[in-house]
C-alpha cells in the first residue's frame, strides 16, 4: 500500500502543477523548476519513509 502512495502522490502533484501552468498560460519549460521541486520533495519523502521502515523493522 505504501508503495502505491509513493507512485500516486508524485503523479497527482505533477498533474496539479501542469494544470496550474496551463491555467496561467505558462509552458512546461517555464515550469521545469516546479517539476524538479516536486521530484526532489517526493524523493526526500520516499527516502525518509524507507529509512523509517528499515529502522523499525525487526
C-alpha atoms as a PDB file:
ATOM      1  CA  UNK A   1       0.000   0.000   0.000  1.00  0.00           C
ATOM      2  CA  UNK A   2       2.803   2.408   0.850  1.00  0.00           C
ATOM      3  CA  UNK A   3       4.478   1.687  -2.474  1.00  0.00           C
ATOM      4  CA  UNK A   4       1.265   2.680  -4.239  1.00  0.00           C
ATOM      5  CA  UNK A   5       1.348   6.044  -2.448  1.00  0.00           C
ATOM      6  CA  UNK A   6       4.967   6.529  -3.481  1.00  0.00           C
ATOM      7  CA  UNK A   7       3.814   6.320  -7.105  1.00  0.00           C
ATOM      8  CA  UNK A   8       0.469   8.119  -6.893  1.00  0.00           C
ATOM      9  CA  UNK A   9       1.494  11.232  -4.936  1.00  0.00           C
ATOM     10  CA  UNK A  10       4.143  12.482  -7.421  1.00  0.00           C
ATOM     11  CA  UNK A  11       1.793  11.829 -10.339  1.00  0.00           C
ATOM     12  CA  UNK A  12      -1.011  13.801  -8.692  1.00  0.00           C
ATOM     13  CA  UNK A  13       1.350  16.636  -7.795  1.00  0.00           C
ATOM     14  CA  UNK A  14       2.660  16.799 -11.377  1.00  0.00           C
ATOM     15  CA  UNK A  15      -0.876  16.819 -12.756  1.00  0.00           C
ATOM     16  CA  UNK A  16      -1.849  19.672 -10.436  1.00  0.00           C
ATOM     17  CA  UNK A  17       1.305  21.589 -11.404  1.00  0.00           C
ATOM     18  CA  UNK A  18       0.583  21.029 -15.111  1.00  0.00           C
ATOM     19  CA  UNK A  19      -2.976  22.251 -14.598  1.00  0.00           C
ATOM     20  CA  UNK A  20      -1.674  25.364 -12.822  1.00  0.00           C
ATOM     21  CA  UNK A  21       0.800  26.085 -15.635  1.00  0.00           C
ATOM     22  CA  UNK A  22      -1.877  25.696 -18.306  1.00  0.00           C
ATOM     23  CA  UNK A  23      -4.360  27.870 -16.393  1.00  0.00           C
ATOM     24  CA  UNK A  24      -1.846  30.723 -16.143  1.00  0.00           C
ATOM     25  CA  UNK A  25      -0.574  30.322 -19.724  1.00  0.00           C
ATOM     26  CA  UNK A  26       2.915  29.098 -18.850  1.00  0.00           C
ATOM     27  CA  UNK A  27       4.773  26.488 -20.818  1.00  0.00           C
ATOM     28  CA  UNK A  28       6.101  23.248 -19.343  1.00  0.00           C
ATOM     29  CA  UNK A  29       9.625  24.556 -19.958  1.00  0.00           C
ATOM     30  CA  UNK A  30       8.890  27.591 -17.798  1.00  0.00           C
ATOM     31  CA  UNK A  31       7.570  25.304 -15.050  1.00  0.00           C
ATOM     32  CA  UNK A  32      10.510  22.914 -15.154  1.00  0.00           C
ATOM     33  CA  UNK A  33      11.813  24.142 -11.806  1.00  0.00           C
ATOM     34  CA  UNK A  34       8.477  23.275 -10.214  1.00  0.00           C
ATOM     35  CA  UNK A  35       8.694  19.735 -11.543  1.00  0.00           C
ATOM     36  CA  UNK A  36      12.224  19.468 -10.147  1.00  0.00           C
ATOM     37  CA  UNK A  37      10.966  20.613  -6.737  1.00  0.00           C
ATOM     38  CA  UNK A  38       8.144  18.062  -6.874  1.00  0.00           C
ATOM     39  CA  UNK A  39      10.519  15.200  -7.670  1.00  0.00           C
ATOM     40  CA  UNK A  40      13.050  16.341  -5.064  1.00  0.00           C
ATOM     41  CA  UNK A  41      10.383  16.637  -2.373  1.00  0.00           C
ATOM     42  CA  UNK A  42       8.961  13.229  -3.185  1.00  0.00           C
ATOM     43  CA  UNK A  43      12.440  11.694  -3.312  1.00  0.00           C
ATOM     44  CA  UNK A  44      13.172  13.007   0.167  1.00  0.00           C
ATOM     45  CA  UNK A  45       9.788  11.778   1.384  1.00  0.00           C
ATOM     46  CA  UNK A  46      10.334   8.308  -0.065  1.00  0.00           C
ATOM     47  CA  UNK A  47      13.833   8.193   1.398  1.00  0.00           C
ATOM     48  CA  UNK A  48      12.565   9.180   4.835  1.00  0.00           C
ATOM     49  CA  UNK A  49       9.788   6.608   4.896  1.00  0.00           C
ATOM     50  CA  UNK A  50      12.080   3.909   3.538  1.00  0.00           C
ATOM     51  CA  UNK A  51      14.564   4.693   6.289  1.00  0.00           C
ATOM     52  CA  UNK A  52      11.814   4.549   8.917  1.00  0.00           C
ATOM     53  CA  UNK A  53      10.624   1.186   7.618  1.00  0.00           C
ATOM     54  CA  UNK A  54      14.202  -0.126   7.719  1.00  0.00           C
ATOM     55  CA  UNK A  55      14.850   1.225  11.221  1.00  0.00           C
ATOM     56  CA  UNK A  56      11.604  -0.046  12.750  1.00  0.00           C
ATOM     57  CA  UNK A  57      11.636  -3.499  11.143  1.00  0.00           C
ATOM     58  CA  UNK A  58      12.720  -6.279  13.440  1.00  0.00           C
END
